[in-house]
Amino acid sequence: TPRTAWLVSEEWPEDIRRALAAAA
């Protein structure tokens, strides 16, 4: 489907956001 673009854009669930912050 060359004339179609698929987009994905999601917020991190809260537990994953906390895990990213903990690793950082």
PDBML (XML) file of the C-alpha atoms, coordinates in Angstrom:
<?xml version="1.0" encoding="UTF-8" ?>
<PDBx:datablock datablockName="MODEL"
   xmlns:PDBx="http://pdbml.pdb.org/schema/pdbx-v50.xsd"
   xmlns:xsi="http://www.w3.org/2001/XMLSchema-instance"
   xsi:schemaLocation="http://pdbml.pdb.org/schema/pdbx-v50.xsd pdbx-v50.xsd">
   <PDBx:atom_siteCategory>
      <PDBx:atom_site id="1">
         <PDBx:B_iso_or_equiv>0.00</PDBx:B_iso_or_equiv>
         <PDBx:Cartn_x>0.000</PDBx:Cartn_x>
         <PDBx:Cartn_y>0.000</PDBx:Cartn_y>
         <PDBx:Cartn_z>0.000</PDBx:Cartn_z>
         <PDBx:auth_asym_id>A</PDBx:auth_asym_id>
         <PDBx:auth_atom_id>CA</PDBx:auth_atom_id>
         <PDBx:auth_comp_id>THR</PDBx:auth_comp_id>
         <PDBx:auth_seq_id>1</PDBx:auth_seq_id>
         <PDBx:group_PDB>ATOM</PDBx:group_PDB>
         <PDBx:label_alt_id xsi:nil="true" />
         <PDBx:label_asym_id>A</PDBx:label_asym_id>
         <PDBx:label_atom_id>CA</PDBx:label_atom_id>
         <PDBx:label_comp_id>THR</PDBx:label_comp_id>
         <PDBx:label_entity_id>1</PDBx:label_entity_id>
         <PDBx:label_seq_id>1</PDBx:label_seq_id>
         <PDBx:occupancy>1.00</PDBx:occupancy>
         <PDBx:pdbx_PDB_model_num>1</PDBx:pdbx_PDB_model_num>
         <PDBx:type_symbol>C</PDBx:type_symbol>
      </PDBx:atom_site>
      <PDBx:atom_site id="2">
         <PDBx:B_iso_or_equiv>0.00</PDBx:B_iso_or_equiv>
         <PDBx:Cartn_x>2.535</PDBx:Cartn_x>
         <PDBx:Cartn_y>2.608</PDBx:Cartn_y>
         <PDBx:Cartn_z>-1.174</PDBx:Cartn_z>
         <PDBx:auth_asym_id>A</PDBx:auth_asym_id>
         <PDBx:auth_atom_id>CA</PDBx:auth_atom_id>
         <PDBx:auth_comp_id>PRO</PDBx:auth_comp_id>
         <PDBx:auth_seq_id>2</PDBx:auth_seq_id>
         <PDBx:group_PDB>ATOM</PDBx:group_PDB>
         <PDBx:label_alt_id xsi:nil="true" />
         <PDBx:label_asym_id>A</PDBx:label_asym_id>
         <PDBx:label_atom_id>CA</PDBx:label_atom_id>
         <PDBx:label_comp_id>PRO</PDBx:label_comp_id>
         <PDBx:label_entity_id>1</PDBx:label_entity_id>
         <PDBx:label_seq_id>2</PDBx:label_seq_id>
         <PDBx:occupancy>1.00</PDBx:occupancy>
         <PDBx:pdbx_PDB_model_num>1</PDBx:pdbx_PDB_model_num>
         <PDBx:type_symbol>C</PDBx:type_symbol>
      </PDBx:atom_site>
      <PDBx:atom_site id="3">
         <PDBx:B_iso_or_equiv>0.00</PDBx:B_iso_or_equiv>
         <PDBx:Cartn_x>0.170</PDBx:Cartn_x>
         <PDBx:Cartn_y>5.580</PDBx:Cartn_y>
         <PDBx:Cartn_z>-0.705</PDBx:Cartn_z>
         <PDBx:auth_asym_id>A</PDBx:auth_asym_id>
         <PDBx:auth_atom_id>CA</PDBx:auth_atom_id>
         <PDBx:auth_comp_id>ARG</PDBx:auth_comp_id>
         <PDBx:auth_seq_id>3</PDBx:auth_seq_id>
         <PDBx:group_PDB>ATOM</PDBx:group_PDB>
         <PDBx:label_alt_id xsi:nil="true" />
         <PDBx:label_asym_id>A</PDBx:label_asym_id>
         <PDBx:label_atom_id>CA</PDBx:label_atom_id>
         <PDBx:label_comp_id>ARG</PDBx:label_comp_id>
         <PDBx:label_entity_id>1</PDBx:label_entity_id>
         <PDBx:label_seq_id>3</PDBx:label_seq_id>
         <PDBx:occupancy>1.00</PDBx:occupancy>
         <PDBx:pdbx_PDB_model_num>1</PDBx:pdbx_PDB_model_num>
         <PDBx:type_symbol>C</PDBx:type_symbol>
      </PDBx:atom_site>
      <PDBx:atom_site id="4">
         <PDBx:B_iso_or_equiv>0.00</PDBx:B_iso_or_equiv>
         <PDBx:Cartn_x>-0.507</PDBx:Cartn_x>
         <PDBx:Cartn_y>4.728</PDBx:Cartn_y>
         <PDBx:Cartn_z>2.936</PDBx:Cartn_z>
         <PDBx:auth_asym_id>A</PDBx:auth_asym_id>
         <PDBx:auth_atom_id>CA</PDBx:auth_atom_id>
         <PDBx:auth_comp_id>THR</PDBx:auth_comp_id>
         <PDBx:auth_seq_id>4</PDBx:auth_seq_id>
         <PDBx:group_PDB>ATOM</PDBx:group_PDB>
         <PDBx:label_alt_id xsi:nil="true" />
         <PDBx:label_asym_id>A</PDBx:label_asym_id>
         <PDBx:label_atom_id>CA</PDBx:label_atom_id>
         <PDBx:label_comp_id>THR</PDBx:label_comp_id>
         <PDBx:label_entity_id>1</PDBx:label_entity_id>
         <PDBx:label_seq_id>4</PDBx:label_seq_id>
         <PDBx:occupancy>1.00</PDBx:occupancy>
         <PDBx:pdbx_PDB_model_num>1</PDBx:pdbx_PDB_model_num>
         <PDBx:type_symbol>C</PDBx:type_symbol>
      </PDBx:atom_site>
      <PDBx:atom_site id="5">
         <PDBx:B_iso_or_equiv>0.00</PDBx:B_iso_or_equiv>
         <PDBx:Cartn_x>1.603</PDBx:Cartn_x>
         <PDBx:Cartn_y>5.688</PDBx:Cartn_y>
         <PDBx:Cartn_z>5.939</PDBx:Cartn_z>
         <PDBx:auth_asym_id>A</PDBx:auth_asym_id>
         <PDBx:auth_atom_id>CA</PDBx:auth_atom_id>
         <PDBx:auth_comp_id>ALA</PDBx:auth_comp_id>
         <PDBx:auth_seq_id>5</PDBx:auth_seq_id>
         <PDBx:group_PDB>ATOM</PDBx:group_PDB>
         <PDBx:label_alt_id xsi:nil="true" />
         <PDBx:label_asym_id>A</PDBx:label_asym_id>
         <PDBx:label_atom_id>CA</PDBx:label_atom_id>
         <PDBx:label_comp_id>ALA</PDBx:label_comp_id>
         <PDBx:label_entity_id>1</PDBx:label_entity_id>
         <PDBx:label_seq_id>5</PDBx:label_seq_id>
         <PDBx:occupancy>1.00</PDBx:occupancy>
         <PDBx:pdbx_PDB_model_num>1</PDBx:pdbx_PDB_model_num>
         <PDBx:type_symbol>C</PDBx:type_symbol>
      </PDBx:atom_site>
      <PDBx:atom_site id="6">
         <PDBx:B_iso_or_equiv>0.00</PDBx:B_iso_or_equiv>
         <PDBx:Cartn_x>1.203</PDBx:Cartn_x>
         <PDBx:Cartn_y>3.857</PDBx:Cartn_y>
         <PDBx:Cartn_z>9.238</PDBx:Cartn_z>
         <PDBx:auth_asym_id>A</PDBx:auth_asym_id>
         <PDBx:auth_atom_id>CA</PDBx:auth_atom_id>
         <PDBx:auth_comp_id>TRP</PDBx:auth_comp_id>
         <PDBx:auth_seq_id>6</PDBx:auth_seq_id>
         <PDBx:group_PDB>ATOM</PDBx:group_PDB>
         <PDBx:label_alt_id xsi:nil="true" />
         <PDBx:label_asym_id>A</PDBx:label_asym_id>
         <PDBx:label_atom_id>CA</PDBx:label_atom_id>
         <PDBx:label_comp_id>TRP</PDBx:label_comp_id>
         <PDBx:label_entity_id>1</PDBx:label_entity_id>
         <PDBx:label_seq_id>6</PDBx:label_seq_id>
         <PDBx:occupancy>1.00</PDBx:occupancy>
         <PDBx:pdbx_PDB_model_num>1</PDBx:pdbx_PDB_model_num>
         <PDBx:type_symbol>C</PDBx:type_symbol>
      </PDBx:atom_site>
      <PDBx:atom_site id="7">
         <PDBx:B_iso_or_equiv>0.00</PDBx:B_iso_or_equiv>
         <PDBx:Cartn_x>1.976</PDBx:Cartn_x>
         <PDBx:Cartn_y>5.885</PDBx:Cartn_y>
         <PDBx:Cartn_z>12.377</PDBx:Cartn_z>
         <PDBx:auth_asym_id>A</PDBx:auth_asym_id>
         <PDBx:auth_atom_id>CA</PDBx:auth_atom_id>
         <PDBx:auth_comp_id>LEU</PDBx:auth_comp_id>
         <PDBx:auth_seq_id>7</PDBx:auth_seq_id>
         <PDBx:group_PDB>ATOM</PDBx:group_PDB>
         <PDBx:label_alt_id xsi:nil="true" />
         <PDBx:label_asym_id>A</PDBx:label_asym_id>
         <PDBx:label_atom_id>CA</PDBx:label_atom_id>
         <PDBx:label_comp_id>LEU</PDBx:label_comp_id>
         <PDBx:label_entity_id>1</PDBx:label_entity_id>
         <PDBx:label_seq_id>7</PDBx:label_seq_id>
         <PDBx:occupancy>1.00</PDBx:occupancy>
         <PDBx:pdbx_PDB_model_num>1</PDBx:pdbx_PDB_model_num>
         <PDBx:type_symbol>C</PDBx:type_symbol>
      </PDBx:atom_site>
      <PDBx:atom_site id="8">
         <PDBx:B_iso_or_equiv>0.00</PDBx:B_iso_or_equiv>
         <PDBx:Cartn_x>2.493</PDBx:Cartn_x>
         <PDBx:Cartn_y>4.745</PDBx:Cartn_y>
         <PDBx:Cartn_z>15.969</PDBx:Cartn_z>
         <PDBx:auth_asym_id>A</PDBx:auth_asym_id>
         <PDBx:auth_atom_id>CA</PDBx:auth_atom_id>
         <PDBx:auth_comp_id>VAL</PDBx:auth_comp_id>
         <PDBx:auth_seq_id>8</PDBx:auth_seq_id>
         <PDBx:group_PDB>ATOM</PDBx:group_PDB>
         <PDBx:label_alt_id xsi:nil="true" />
         <PDBx:label_asym_id>A</PDBx:label_asym_id>
         <PDBx:label_atom_id>CA</PDBx:label_atom_id>
         <PDBx:label_comp_id>VAL</PDBx:label_comp_id>
         <PDBx:label_entity_id>1</PDBx:label_entity_id>
         <PDBx:label_seq_id>8</PDBx:label_seq_id>
         <PDBx:occupancy>1.00</PDBx:occupancy>
         <PDBx:pdbx_PDB_model_num>1</PDBx:pdbx_PDB_model_num>
         <PDBx:type_symbol>C</PDBx:type_symbol>
      </PDBx:atom_site>
      <PDBx:atom_site id="9">
         <PDBx:B_iso_or_equiv>0.00</PDBx:B_iso_or_equiv>
         <PDBx:Cartn_x>2.758</PDBx:Cartn_x>
         <PDBx:Cartn_y>7.141</PDBx:Cartn_y>
         <PDBx:Cartn_z>18.909</PDBx:Cartn_z>
         <PDBx:auth_asym_id>A</PDBx:auth_asym_id>
         <PDBx:auth_atom_id>CA</PDBx:auth_atom_id>
         <PDBx:auth_comp_id>SER</PDBx:auth_comp_id>
         <PDBx:auth_seq_id>9</PDBx:auth_seq_id>
         <PDBx:group_PDB>ATOM</PDBx:group_PDB>
         <PDBx:label_alt_id xsi:nil="true" />
         <PDBx:label_asym_id>A</PDBx:label_asym_id>
         <PDBx:label_atom_id>CA</PDBx:label_atom_id>
         <PDBx:label_comp_id>SER</PDBx:label_comp_id>
         <PDBx:label_entity_id>1</PDBx:label_entity_id>
         <PDBx:label_seq_id>9</PDBx:label_seq_id>
         <PDBx:occupancy>1.00</PDBx:occupancy>
         <PDBx:pdbx_PDB_model_num>1</PDBx:pdbx_PDB_model_num>
         <PDBx:type_symbol>C</PDBx:type_symbol>
      </PDBx:atom_site>
      <PDBx:atom_site id="10">
         <PDBx:B_iso_or_equiv>0.00</PDBx:B_iso_or_equiv>
         <PDBx:Cartn_x>2.230</PDBx:Cartn_x>
         <PDBx:Cartn_y>5.982</PDBx:Cartn_y>
         <PDBx:Cartn_z>22.495</PDBx:Cartn_z>
         <PDBx:auth_asym_id>A</PDBx:auth_asym_id>
         <PDBx:auth_atom_id>CA</PDBx:auth_atom_id>
         <PDBx:auth_comp_id>GLU</PDBx:auth_comp_id>
         <PDBx:auth_seq_id>10</PDBx:auth_seq_id>
         <PDBx:group_PDB>ATOM</PDBx:group_PDB>
         <PDBx:label_alt_id xsi:nil="true" />
         <PDBx:label_asym_id>A</PDBx:label_asym_id>
         <PDBx:label_atom_id>CA</PDBx:label_atom_id>
         <PDBx:label_comp_id>GLU</PDBx:label_comp_id>
         <PDBx:label_entity_id>1</PDBx:label_entity_id>
         <PDBx:label_seq_id>10</PDBx:label_seq_id>
         <PDBx:occupancy>1.00</PDBx:occupancy>
         <PDBx:pdbx_PDB_model_num>1</PDBx:pdbx_PDB_model_num>
         <PDBx:type_symbol>C</PDBx:type_symbol>
      </PDBx:atom_site>
      <PDBx:atom_site id="11">
         <PDBx:B_iso_or_equiv>0.00</PDBx:B_iso_or_equiv>
         <PDBx:Cartn_x>2.906</PDBx:Cartn_x>
         <PDBx:Cartn_y>7.336</PDBx:Cartn_y>
         <PDBx:Cartn_z>25.952</PDBx:Cartn_z>
         <PDBx:auth_asym_id>A</PDBx:auth_asym_id>
         <PDBx:auth_atom_id>CA</PDBx:auth_atom_id>
         <PDBx:auth_comp_id>GLU</PDBx:auth_comp_id>
         <PDBx:auth_seq_id>11</PDBx:auth_seq_id>
         <PDBx:group_PDB>ATOM</PDBx:group_PDB>
         <PDBx:label_alt_id xsi:nil="true" />
         <PDBx:label_asym_id>A</PDBx:label_asym_id>
         <PDBx:label_atom_id>CA</PDBx:label_atom_id>
         <PDBx:label_comp_id>GLU</PDBx:label_comp_id>
         <PDBx:label_entity_id>1</PDBx:label_entity_id>
         <PDBx:label_seq_id>11</PDBx:label_seq_id>
         <PDBx:occupancy>1.00</PDBx:occupancy>
         <PDBx:pdbx_PDB_model_num>1</PDBx:pdbx_PDB_model_num>
         <PDBx:type_symbol>C</PDBx:type_symbol>
      </PDBx:atom_site>
      <PDBx:atom_site id="12">
         <PDBx:B_iso_or_equiv>0.00</PDBx:B_iso_or_equiv>
         <PDBx:Cartn_x>4.917</PDBx:Cartn_x>
         <PDBx:Cartn_y>5.137</PDBx:Cartn_y>
         <PDBx:Cartn_z>28.260</PDBx:Cartn_z>
         <PDBx:auth_asym_id>A</PDBx:auth_asym_id>
         <PDBx:auth_atom_id>CA</PDBx:auth_atom_id>
         <PDBx:auth_comp_id>TRP</PDBx:auth_comp_id>
         <PDBx:auth_seq_id>12</PDBx:auth_seq_id>
         <PDBx:group_PDB>ATOM</PDBx:group_PDB>
         <PDBx:label_alt_id xsi:nil="true" />
         <PDBx:label_asym_id>A</PDBx:label_asym_id>
         <PDBx:label_atom_id>CA</PDBx:label_atom_id>
         <PDBx:label_comp_id>TRP</PDBx:label_comp_id>
         <PDBx:label_entity_id>1</PDBx:label_entity_id>
         <PDBx:label_seq_id>12</PDBx:label_seq_id>
         <PDBx:occupancy>1.00</PDBx:occupancy>
         <PDBx:pdbx_PDB_model_num>1</PDBx:pdbx_PDB_model_num>
         <PDBx:type_symbol>C</PDBx:type_symbol>
      </PDBx:atom_site>
      <PDBx:atom_site id="13">
         <PDBx:B_iso_or_equiv>0.00</PDBx:B_iso_or_equiv>
         <PDBx:Cartn_x>2.750</PDBx:Cartn_x>
         <PDBx:Cartn_y>3.381</PDBx:Cartn_y>
         <PDBx:Cartn_z>30.848</PDBx:Cartn_z>
         <PDBx:auth_asym_id>A</PDBx:auth_asym_id>
         <PDBx:auth_atom_id>CA</PDBx:auth_atom_id>
         <PDBx:auth_comp_id>PRO</PDBx:auth_comp_id>
         <PDBx:auth_seq_id>13</PDBx:auth_seq_id>
         <PDBx:group_PDB>ATOM</PDBx:group_PDB>
         <PDBx:label_alt_id xsi:nil="true" />
         <PDBx:label_asym_id>A</PDBx:label_asym_id>
         <PDBx:label_atom_id>CA</PDBx:label_atom_id>
         <PDBx:label_comp_id>PRO</PDBx:label_comp_id>
         <PDBx:label_entity_id>1</PDBx:label_entity_id>
         <PDBx:label_seq_id>13</PDBx:label_seq_id>
         <PDBx:occupancy>1.00</PDBx:occupancy>
         <PDBx:pdbx_PDB_model_num>1</PDBx:pdbx_PDB_model_num>
         <PDBx:type_symbol>C</PDBx:type_symbol>
      </PDBx:atom_site>
      <PDBx:atom_site id="14">
         <PDBx:B_iso_or_equiv>0.00</PDBx:B_iso_or_equiv>
         <PDBx:Cartn_x>3.549</PDBx:Cartn_x>
         <PDBx:Cartn_y>4.758</PDBx:Cartn_y>
         <PDBx:Cartn_z>34.285</PDBx:Cartn_z>
         <PDBx:auth_asym_id>A</PDBx:auth_asym_id>
         <PDBx:auth_atom_id>CA</PDBx:auth_atom_id>
         <PDBx:auth_comp_id>GLU</PDBx:auth_comp_id>
         <PDBx:auth_seq_id>14</PDBx:auth_seq_id>
         <PDBx:group_PDB>ATOM</PDBx:group_PDB>
         <PDBx:label_alt_id xsi:nil="true" />
         <PDBx:label_asym_id>A</PDBx:label_asym_id>
         <PDBx:label_atom_id>CA</PDBx:label_atom_id>
         <PDBx:label_comp_id>GLU</PDBx:label_comp_id>
         <PDBx:label_entity_id>1</PDBx:label_entity_id>
         <PDBx:label_seq_id>14</PDBx:label_seq_id>
         <PDBx:occupancy>1.00</PDBx:occupancy>
         <PDBx:pdbx_PDB_model_num>1</PDBx:pdbx_PDB_model_num>
         <PDBx:type_symbol>C</PDBx:type_symbol>
      </PDBx:atom_site>
      <PDBx:atom_site id="15">
         <PDBx:B_iso_or_equiv>0.00</PDBx:B_iso_or_equiv>
         <PDBx:Cartn_x>5.491</PDBx:Cartn_x>
         <PDBx:Cartn_y>1.703</PDBx:Cartn_y>
         <PDBx:Cartn_z>35.493</PDBx:Cartn_z>
         <PDBx:auth_asym_id>A</PDBx:auth_asym_id>
         <PDBx:auth_atom_id>CA</PDBx:auth_atom_id>
         <PDBx:auth_comp_id>ASP</PDBx:auth_comp_id>
         <PDBx:auth_seq_id>15</PDBx:auth_seq_id>
         <PDBx:group_PDB>ATOM</PDBx:group_PDB>
         <PDBx:label_alt_id xsi:nil="true" />
         <PDBx:label_asym_id>A</PDBx:label_asym_id>
         <PDBx:label_atom_id>CA</PDBx:label_atom_id>
         <PDBx:label_comp_id>ASP</PDBx:label_comp_id>
         <PDBx:label_entity_id>1</PDBx:label_entity_id>
         <PDBx:label_seq_id>15</PDBx:label_seq_id>
         <PDBx:occupancy>1.00</PDBx:occupancy>
         <PDBx:pdbx_PDB_model_num>1</PDBx:pdbx_PDB_model_num>
         <PDBx:type_symbol>C</PDBx:type_symbol>
      </PDBx:atom_site>
      <PDBx:atom_site id="16">
         <PDBx:B_iso_or_equiv>0.00</PDBx:B_iso_or_equiv>
         <PDBx:Cartn_x>7.722</PDBx:Cartn_x>
         <PDBx:Cartn_y>1.770</PDBx:Cartn_y>
         <PDBx:Cartn_z>32.429</PDBx:Cartn_z>
         <PDBx:auth_asym_id>A</PDBx:auth_asym_id>
         <PDBx:auth_atom_id>CA</PDBx:auth_atom_id>
         <PDBx:auth_comp_id>ILE</PDBx:auth_comp_id>
         <PDBx:auth_seq_id>16</PDBx:auth_seq_id>
         <PDBx:group_PDB>ATOM</PDBx:group_PDB>
         <PDBx:label_alt_id xsi:nil="true" />
         <PDBx:label_asym_id>A</PDBx:label_asym_id>
         <PDBx:label_atom_id>CA</PDBx:label_atom_id>
         <PDBx:label_comp_id>ILE</PDBx:label_comp_id>
         <PDBx:label_entity_id>1</PDBx:label_entity_id>
         <PDBx:label_seq_id>16</PDBx:label_seq_id>
         <PDBx:occupancy>1.00</PDBx:occupancy>
         <PDBx:pdbx_PDB_model_num>1</PDBx:pdbx_PDB_model_num>
         <PDBx:type_symbol>C</PDBx:type_symbol>
      </PDBx:atom_site>
      <PDBx:atom_site id="17">
         <PDBx:B_iso_or_equiv>0.00</PDBx:B_iso_or_equiv>
         <PDBx:Cartn_x>8.257</PDBx:Cartn_x>
         <PDBx:Cartn_y>5.523</PDBx:Cartn_y>
         <PDBx:Cartn_z>32.819</PDBx:Cartn_z>
         <PDBx:auth_asym_id>A</PDBx:auth_asym_id>
         <PDBx:auth_atom_id>CA</PDBx:auth_atom_id>
         <PDBx:auth_comp_id>ARG</PDBx:auth_comp_id>
         <PDBx:auth_seq_id>17</PDBx:auth_seq_id>
         <PDBx:group_PDB>ATOM</PDBx:group_PDB>
         <PDBx:label_alt_id xsi:nil="true" />
         <PDBx:label_asym_id>A</PDBx:label_asym_id>
         <PDBx:label_atom_id>CA</PDBx:label_atom_id>
         <PDBx:label_comp_id>ARG</PDBx:label_comp_id>
         <PDBx:label_entity_id>1</PDBx:label_entity_id>
         <PDBx:label_seq_id>17</PDBx:label_seq_id>
         <PDBx:occupancy>1.00</PDBx:occupancy>
         <PDBx:pdbx_PDB_model_num>1</PDBx:pdbx_PDB_model_num>
         <PDBx:type_symbol>C</PDBx:type_symbol>
      </PDBx:atom_site>
      <PDBx:atom_site id="18">
         <PDBx:B_iso_or_equiv>0.00</PDBx:B_iso_or_equiv>
         <PDBx:Cartn_x>9.391</PDBx:Cartn_x>
         <PDBx:Cartn_y>4.939</PDBx:Cartn_y>
         <PDBx:Cartn_z>36.398</PDBx:Cartn_z>
         <PDBx:auth_asym_id>A</PDBx:auth_asym_id>
         <PDBx:auth_atom_id>CA</PDBx:auth_atom_id>
         <PDBx:auth_comp_id>ARG</PDBx:auth_comp_id>
         <PDBx:auth_seq_id>18</PDBx:auth_seq_id>
         <PDBx:group_PDB>ATOM</PDBx:group_PDB>
         <PDBx:label_alt_id xsi:nil="true" />
         <PDBx:label_asym_id>A</PDBx:label_asym_id>
         <PDBx:label_atom_id>CA</PDBx:label_atom_id>
         <PDBx:label_comp_id>ARG</PDBx:label_comp_id>
         <PDBx:label_entity_id>1</PDBx:label_entity_id>
         <PDBx:label_seq_id>18</PDBx:label_seq_id>
         <PDBx:occupancy>1.00</PDBx:occupancy>
         <PDBx:pdbx_PDB_model_num>1</PDBx:pdbx_PDB_model_num>
         <PDBx:type_symbol>C</PDBx:type_symbol>
      </PDBx:atom_site>
      <PDBx:atom_site id="19">
         <PDBx:B_iso_or_equiv>0.00</PDBx:B_iso_or_equiv>
         <PDBx:Cartn_x>11.705</PDBx:Cartn_x>
         <PDBx:Cartn_y>2.139</PDBx:Cartn_y>
         <PDBx:Cartn_z>35.281</PDBx:Cartn_z>
         <PDBx:auth_asym_id>A</PDBx:auth_asym_id>
         <PDBx:auth_atom_id>CA</PDBx:auth_atom_id>
         <PDBx:auth_comp_id>ALA</PDBx:auth_comp_id>
         <PDBx:auth_seq_id>19</PDBx:auth_seq_id>
         <PDBx:group_PDB>ATOM</PDBx:group_PDB>
         <PDBx:label_alt_id xsi:nil="true" />
         <PDBx:label_asym_id>A</PDBx:label_asym_id>
         <PDBx:label_atom_id>CA</PDBx:label_atom_id>
         <PDBx:label_comp_id>ALA</PDBx:label_comp_id>
         <PDBx:label_entity_id>1</PDBx:label_entity_id>
         <PDBx:label_seq_id>19</PDBx:label_seq_id>
         <PDBx:occupancy>1.00</PDBx:occupancy>
         <PDBx:pdbx_PDB_model_num>1</PDBx:pdbx_PDB_model_num>
         <PDBx:type_symbol>C</PDBx:type_symbol>
      </PDBx:atom_site>
      <PDBx:atom_site id="20">
         <PDBx:B_iso_or_equiv>0.00</PDBx:B_iso_or_equiv>
         <PDBx:Cartn_x>13.331</PDBx:Cartn_x>
         <PDBx:Cartn_y>4.411</PDBx:Cartn_y>
         <PDBx:Cartn_z>32.685</PDBx:Cartn_z>
         <PDBx:auth_asym_id>A</PDBx:auth_asym_id>
         <PDBx:auth_atom_id>CA</PDBx:auth_atom_id>
         <PDBx:auth_comp_id>LEU</PDBx:auth_comp_id>
         <PDBx:auth_seq_id>20</PDBx:auth_seq_id>
         <PDBx:group_PDB>ATOM</PDBx:group_PDB>
         <PDBx:label_alt_id xsi:nil="true" />
         <PDBx:label_asym_id>A</PDBx:label_asym_id>
         <PDBx:label_atom_id>CA</PDBx:label_atom_id>
         <PDBx:label_comp_id>LEU</PDBx:label_comp_id>
         <PDBx:label_entity_id>1</PDBx:label_entity_id>
         <PDBx:label_seq_id>20</PDBx:label_seq_id>
         <PDBx:occupancy>1.00</PDBx:occupancy>
         <PDBx:pdbx_PDB_model_num>1</PDBx:pdbx_PDB_model_num>
         <PDBx:type_symbol>C</PDBx:type_symbol>
      </PDBx:atom_site>
      <PDBx:atom_site id="21">
         <PDBx:B_iso_or_equiv>0.00</PDBx:B_iso_or_equiv>
         <PDBx:Cartn_x>13.828</PDBx:Cartn_x>
         <PDBx:Cartn_y>7.091</PDBx:Cartn_y>
         <PDBx:Cartn_z>35.306</PDBx:Cartn_z>
         <PDBx:auth_asym_id>A</PDBx:auth_asym_id>
         <PDBx:auth_atom_id>CA</PDBx:auth_atom_id>
         <PDBx:auth_comp_id>ALA</PDBx:auth_comp_id>
         <PDBx:auth_seq_id>21</PDBx:auth_seq_id>
         <PDBx:group_PDB>ATOM</PDBx:group_PDB>
         <PDBx:label_alt_id xsi:nil="true" />
         <PDBx:label_asym_id>A</PDBx:label_asym_id>
         <PDBx:label_atom_id>CA</PDBx:label_atom_id>
         <PDBx:label_comp_id>ALA</PDBx:label_comp_id>
         <PDBx:label_entity_id>1</PDBx:label_entity_id>
         <PDBx:label_seq_id>21</PDBx:label_seq_id>
         <PDBx:occupancy>1.00</PDBx:occupancy>
         <PDBx:pdbx_PDB_model_num>1</PDBx:pdbx_PDB_model_num>
         <PDBx:type_symbol>C</PDBx:type_symbol>
      </PDBx:atom_site>
      <PDBx:atom_site id="22">
         <PDBx:B_iso_or_equiv>0.00</PDBx:B_iso_or_equiv>
         <PDBx:Cartn_x>15.313</PDBx:Cartn_x>
         <PDBx:Cartn_y>4.566</PDBx:Cartn_y>
         <PDBx:Cartn_z>37.756</PDBx:Cartn_z>
         <PDBx:auth_asym_id>A</PDBx:auth_asym_id>
         <PDBx:auth_atom_id>CA</PDBx:auth_atom_id>
         <PDBx:auth_comp_id>ALA</PDBx:auth_comp_id>
         <PDBx:auth_seq_id>22</PDBx:auth_seq_id>
         <PDBx:group_PDB>ATOM</PDBx:group_PDB>
         <PDBx:label_alt_id xsi:nil="true" />
         <PDBx:label_asym_id>A</PDBx:label_asym_id>
         <PDBx:label_atom_id>CA</PDBx:label_atom_id>
         <PDBx:label_comp_id>ALA</PDBx:label_comp_id>
         <PDBx:label_entity_id>1</PDBx:label_entity_id>
         <PDBx:label_seq_id>22</PDBx:label_seq_id>
         <PDBx:occupancy>1.00</PDBx:occupancy>
         <PDBx:pdbx_PDB_model_num>1</PDBx:pdbx_PDB_model_num>
         <PDBx:type_symbol>C</PDBx:type_symbol>
      </PDBx:atom_site>
      <PDBx:atom_site id="23">
         <PDBx:B_iso_or_equiv>0.00</PDBx:B_iso_or_equiv>
         <PDBx:Cartn_x>17.824</PDBx:Cartn_x>
         <PDBx:Cartn_y>3.336</PDBx:Cartn_y>
         <PDBx:Cartn_z>35.164</PDBx:Cartn_z>
         <PDBx:auth_asym_id>A</PDBx:auth_asym_id>
         <PDBx:auth_atom_id>CA</PDBx:auth_atom_id>
         <PDBx:auth_comp_id>ALA</PDBx:auth_comp_id>
         <PDBx:auth_seq_id>23</PDBx:auth_seq_id>
         <PDBx:group_PDB>ATOM</PDBx:group_PDB>
         <PDBx:label_alt_id xsi:nil="true" />
         <PDBx:label_asym_id>A</PDBx:label_asym_id>
         <PDBx:label_atom_id>CA</PDBx:label_atom_id>
         <PDBx:label_comp_id>ALA</PDBx:label_comp_id>
         <PDBx:label_entity_id>1</PDBx:label_entity_id>
         <PDBx:label_seq_id>23</PDBx:label_seq_id>
         <PDBx:occupancy>1.00</PDBx:occupancy>
         <PDBx:pdbx_PDB_model_num>1</PDBx:pdbx_PDB_model_num>
         <PDBx:type_symbol>C</PDBx:type_symbol>
      </PDBx:atom_site>
      <PDBx:atom_site id="24">
         <PDBx:B_iso_or_equiv>0.00</PDBx:B_iso_or_equiv>
         <PDBx:Cartn_x>18.760</PDBx:Cartn_x>
         <PDBx:Cartn_y>6.901</PDBx:Cartn_y>
         <PDBx:Cartn_z>34.219</PDBx:Cartn_z>
         <PDBx:auth_asym_id>A</PDBx:auth_asym_id>
         <PDBx:auth_atom_id>CA</PDBx:auth_atom_id>
         <PDBx:auth_comp_id>ALA</PDBx:auth_comp_id>
         <PDBx:auth_seq_id>24</PDBx:auth_seq_id>
         <PDBx:group_PDB>ATOM</PDBx:group_PDB>
         <PDBx:label_alt_id xsi:nil="true" />
         <PDBx:label_asym_id>A</PDBx:label_asym_id>
         <PDBx:label_atom_id>CA</PDBx:label_atom_id>
         <PDBx:label_comp_id>ALA</PDBx:label_comp_id>
         <PDBx:label_entity_id>1</PDBx:label_entity_id>
         <PDBx:label_seq_id>24</PDBx:label_seq_id>
         <PDBx:occupancy>1.00</PDBx:occupancy>
         <PDBx:pdbx_PDB_model_num>1</PDBx:pdbx_PDB_model_num>
         <PDBx:type_symbol>C</PDBx:type_symbol>
      </PDBx:atom_site>
   </PDBx:atom_siteCategory>
</PDBx:datablock>
